[in-house]
Amino acid sequence: DDKVLIGSFLATGLNSPVYNTSWLYFHTISLYWRLMGNASQALNCLFQSYLLSPSNVKDLTYLSMALLLYNSQLNINEAIYLLYESP
């Protein structure tokens, strides 16, 4: 299955000091979790991506978190807050 192959490929990067400190790596993993239907894990990865991201791309992770929350239809107020507070 392609999803399992992608997941195992991404999981190997967690053991690498080059990748496990990269904001883009965690952003990519969040896309995998969204594909798998696990919004909670995707949000955790996006938060880690936000913490590791340089200031010139923090808006990308903020926007991704806001869209994830908005699309869940459960956390619309949190999504609006993130969009309002985005850098």
Protein backbone atom coordinates (compact mmCIF):
# COMPACT_ATOMS: atom_id res chain seq x y z
CA ASP A 1 0.00 0.00 0.00
CA ASP A 2 1.34 3.44 -0.96
CA LYS A 3 0.24 5.09 2.29
CA VAL A 4 2.21 2.58 4.35
CA LEU A 5 5.27 3.08 2.15
CA ILE A 6 5.09 6.86 2.51
CA GLY A 7 4.53 6.56 6.25
CA SER A 8 7.53 4.30 6.75
CA PHE A 9 9.69 6.60 4.63
CA LEU A 10 8.69 9.61 6.73
CA ALA A 11 9.11 7.68 9.98
CA THR A 12 12.74 6.90 9.20
CA GLY A 13 13.44 10.63 9.11
CA LEU A 14 12.45 11.01 12.75
CA ASN A 15 15.67 9.24 13.73
CA SER A 16 17.79 11.60 11.66
CA PRO A 17 19.10 14.73 13.41
CA VAL A 18 18.95 16.54 10.08
CA TYR A 19 15.24 15.95 9.56
CA ASN A 20 13.84 15.88 13.07
CA THR A 21 14.86 19.52 13.53
CA SER A 22 13.41 20.70 10.22
CA TRP A 23 10.16 22.66 10.16
CA LEU A 24 9.52 21.53 6.59
CA TYR A 25 9.85 17.87 7.58
CA PHE A 26 7.18 18.23 10.28
CA HIS A 27 4.99 20.19 7.87
CA THR A 28 5.26 17.29 5.41
CA ILE A 29 4.42 14.76 8.11
CA SER A 30 1.31 16.80 8.93
CA LEU A 31 0.16 16.35 5.34
CA TYR A 32 0.60 12.60 5.72
CA TRP A 33 -1.53 12.57 8.88
CA ARG A 34 -4.20 14.63 7.12
CA LEU A 35 -4.18 12.07 4.31
CA MET A 36 -4.61 9.31 6.90
CA GLY A 37 -7.51 11.21 8.50
CA ASN A 38 -5.80 11.89 11.82
CA ALA A 39 -6.29 15.62 12.38
CA SER A 40 -4.97 15.49 15.93
CA GLN A 41 -1.58 14.13 14.85
CA ALA A 42 -1.50 16.58 11.94
CA LEU A 43 -2.07 19.46 14.34
CA ASN A 44 0.71 18.21 16.63
CA CYS A 45 3.11 18.09 13.68
CA LEU A 46 2.08 21.56 12.54
CA PHE A 47 2.69 22.93 16.01
CA GLN A 48 6.17 21.37 16.03
CA SER A 49 6.72 22.82 12.56
CA TYR A 50 5.71 26.24 13.86
CA LEU A 51 8.15 26.01 16.76
CA LEU A 52 11.03 25.10 14.44
CA SER A 53 10.20 27.44 11.56
CA PRO A 54 12.10 30.64 10.86
CA SER A 55 10.15 33.85 11.31
CA ASN A 56 9.72 34.43 7.57
CA VAL A 57 7.61 31.26 7.14
CA LYS A 58 5.68 31.12 10.42
CA ASP A 59 2.61 32.36 8.57
CA LEU A 60 2.56 29.13 6.50
CA THR A 61 2.29 26.93 9.56
CA TYR A 62 -0.25 29.29 11.16
CA LEU A 63 -2.39 29.16 8.04
CA SER A 64 -2.16 25.37 7.86
CA MET A 65 -3.21 25.06 11.51
CA ALA A 66 -6.10 27.46 10.98
CA LEU A 67 -7.32 25.58 7.89
CA LEU A 68 -7.12 22.26 9.70
CA LEU A 69 -9.14 23.61 12.62
CA TYR A 70 -11.64 25.32 10.32
CA ASN A 71 -12.16 22.22 8.17
CA SER A 72 -12.83 20.14 11.27
CA GLN A 73 -15.92 22.33 11.93
CA LEU A 74 -15.33 21.81 15.64
CA ASN A 75 -12.82 24.54 16.35
CA ILE A 76 -13.93 27.46 14.23
CA ASN A 77 -13.26 30.02 16.97
CA GLU A 78 -9.70 28.74 17.37
CA ALA A 79 -9.19 28.92 13.60
CA ILE A 80 -10.39 32.52 13.51
CA TYR A 81 -8.09 33.37 16.41
CA LEU A 82 -5.08 31.84 14.62
CA LEU A 83 -5.84 33.76 11.45
CA TYR A 84 -6.26 36.99 13.40
CA GLU A 85 -3.03 36.47 15.37
CA SER A 86 -0.91 35.20 12.49
CA PRO A 87 2.44 36.97 12.05
